[in-house]
Amino acid sequence: MRHVALVTDAAAAVETETFDLEALAYVSARTDALGQLARVFARMAREVYSREQRLKQQVQQLRIELDEARQARQVAEITESEYFQRLQARTHDLRRIIDGS
């Protein structure tokens, strides 16, 4: 019954993201059905963890891409504004005056 409790504790740990593969090592060494269950559970927990890590990386990459797109849109809004265009024209005129003297 202690080994069954270890497996159910491991299930609870997966839900709280505190699962440690070593917690089932002793039960996984058993050759009976409970050992098989512990091995399958540990493998599935590793797969879920790996999948979760990949998804987190994808979400992070999407956030970066969204931030970059947002920044590009903000820059475009500024540089395409009439005010910015007038400033740029004045800068060009001032450079011509400075270069001409």
Protein backbone atom coordinates (compact mmCIF):
# COMPACT_ATOMS: atom_id res chain seq x y z
CA MET A 1 0.00 0.00 0.00
CA ARG A 2 2.94 2.37 0.58
CA HIS A 3 3.96 1.91 -3.04
CA VAL A 4 0.43 2.63 -4.24
CA ALA A 5 0.55 5.80 -2.15
CA LEU A 6 3.84 6.76 -3.85
CA VAL A 7 2.19 6.45 -7.26
CA THR A 8 -0.85 8.48 -6.23
CA ASP A 9 1.43 11.08 -4.61
CA ALA A 10 3.33 11.25 -7.90
CA ALA A 11 0.06 11.90 -9.74
CA ALA A 12 -0.72 14.77 -7.39
CA ALA A 13 2.82 16.10 -7.86
CA VAL A 14 2.34 16.16 -11.64
CA GLU A 15 -0.73 18.33 -11.18
CA THR A 16 1.17 20.79 -9.00
CA GLU A 17 4.24 20.67 -11.27
CA THR A 18 6.44 19.33 -8.47
CA PHE A 19 6.89 15.80 -9.83
CA ASP A 20 10.32 14.23 -9.37
CA LEU A 21 11.14 11.11 -11.39
CA GLU A 22 13.19 9.75 -8.51
CA ALA A 23 10.06 9.57 -6.36
CA LEU A 24 8.95 6.51 -8.36
CA ALA A 25 12.35 4.88 -8.83
CA TYR A 26 11.84 2.27 -6.13
CA VAL A 27 8.30 1.40 -7.27
CA SER A 28 9.39 1.33 -10.92
CA ALA A 29 11.94 -1.37 -10.07
CA ARG A 30 9.16 -3.76 -9.12
CA THR A 31 8.39 -6.51 -11.65
CA ASP A 32 4.66 -6.66 -10.98
CA ALA A 33 1.75 -4.63 -12.32
CA LEU A 34 2.36 -1.76 -9.90
CA GLY A 35 5.95 -1.49 -11.13
CA GLN A 36 4.68 -1.43 -14.72
CA LEU A 37 2.17 1.27 -13.78
CA ALA A 38 4.92 3.33 -12.15
CA ARG A 39 7.18 3.00 -15.23
CA VAL A 40 4.38 3.96 -17.62
CA PHE A 41 3.38 6.85 -15.38
CA ALA A 42 6.97 8.12 -15.15
CA ARG A 43 7.39 7.92 -18.93
CA MET A 44 4.15 9.77 -19.52
CA ALA A 45 5.08 12.42 -16.97
CA ARG A 46 8.41 12.98 -18.76
CA GLU A 47 6.58 13.29 -22.08
CA VAL A 48 4.08 15.75 -20.65
CA TYR A 49 6.89 17.79 -19.12
CA SER A 50 8.82 17.84 -22.41
CA ARG A 51 5.71 18.84 -24.35
CA GLU A 52 4.97 21.58 -21.83
CA GLN A 53 8.51 22.95 -22.13
CA ARG A 54 8.24 23.03 -25.93
CA LEU A 55 4.91 24.82 -25.72
CA LYS A 56 6.31 27.36 -23.27
CA GLN A 57 9.18 28.05 -25.65
CA GLN A 58 6.73 28.51 -28.52
CA VAL A 59 4.63 30.90 -26.45
CA GLN A 60 7.75 32.86 -25.53
CA GLN A 61 8.76 33.07 -29.19
CA LEU A 62 5.27 34.25 -30.13
CA ARG A 63 5.43 36.94 -27.46
CA ILE A 64 8.75 38.14 -28.85
CA GLU A 65 7.32 38.21 -32.38
CA LEU A 66 4.25 40.11 -31.18
CA ASP A 67 6.42 42.65 -29.37
CA GLU A 68 8.55 43.12 -32.48
CA ALA A 69 5.46 43.56 -34.66
CA ARG A 70 4.01 46.04 -32.18
CA GLN A 71 7.26 48.03 -32.13
CA ALA A 72 7.45 48.02 -35.93
CA ARG A 73 3.85 49.27 -36.13
CA GLN A 74 4.59 52.04 -33.61
CA VAL A 75 7.70 53.11 -35.53
CA ALA A 76 5.72 53.12 -38.77
CA GLU A 77 2.97 55.21 -37.18
CA ILE A 78 5.54 57.77 -36.08
CA THR A 79 7.65 57.88 -39.23
CA GLU A 80 4.62 57.99 -41.50
CA SER A 81 3.01 60.86 -39.59
CA GLU A 82 2.75 64.25 -41.21
CA TYR A 83 4.63 65.85 -38.30
CA PHE A 84 7.57 63.49 -38.72
CA GLN A 85 7.62 64.06 -42.47
CA ARG A 86 7.76 67.85 -41.93
CA LEU A 87 10.61 67.45 -39.41
CA GLN A 88 12.50 65.25 -41.81
CA ALA A 89 12.07 67.81 -44.61
CA ARG A 90 13.30 70.61 -42.32
CA THR A 91 16.30 68.48 -41.32
CA HIS A 92 17.10 67.94 -44.98
CA ASP A 93 16.81 71.68 -45.66
CA LEU A 94 19.06 72.52 -42.69
CA ARG A 95 21.70 70.03 -43.84
CA ARG A 96 21.70 71.57 -47.30
CA ILE A 97 22.17 75.02 -45.76
CA ILE A 98 25.02 73.80 -43.53
CA ASP A 99 26.71 71.91 -46.36
CA GLY A 100 26.33 74.88 -48.68
CA SER A 101 28.19 77.26 -46.39
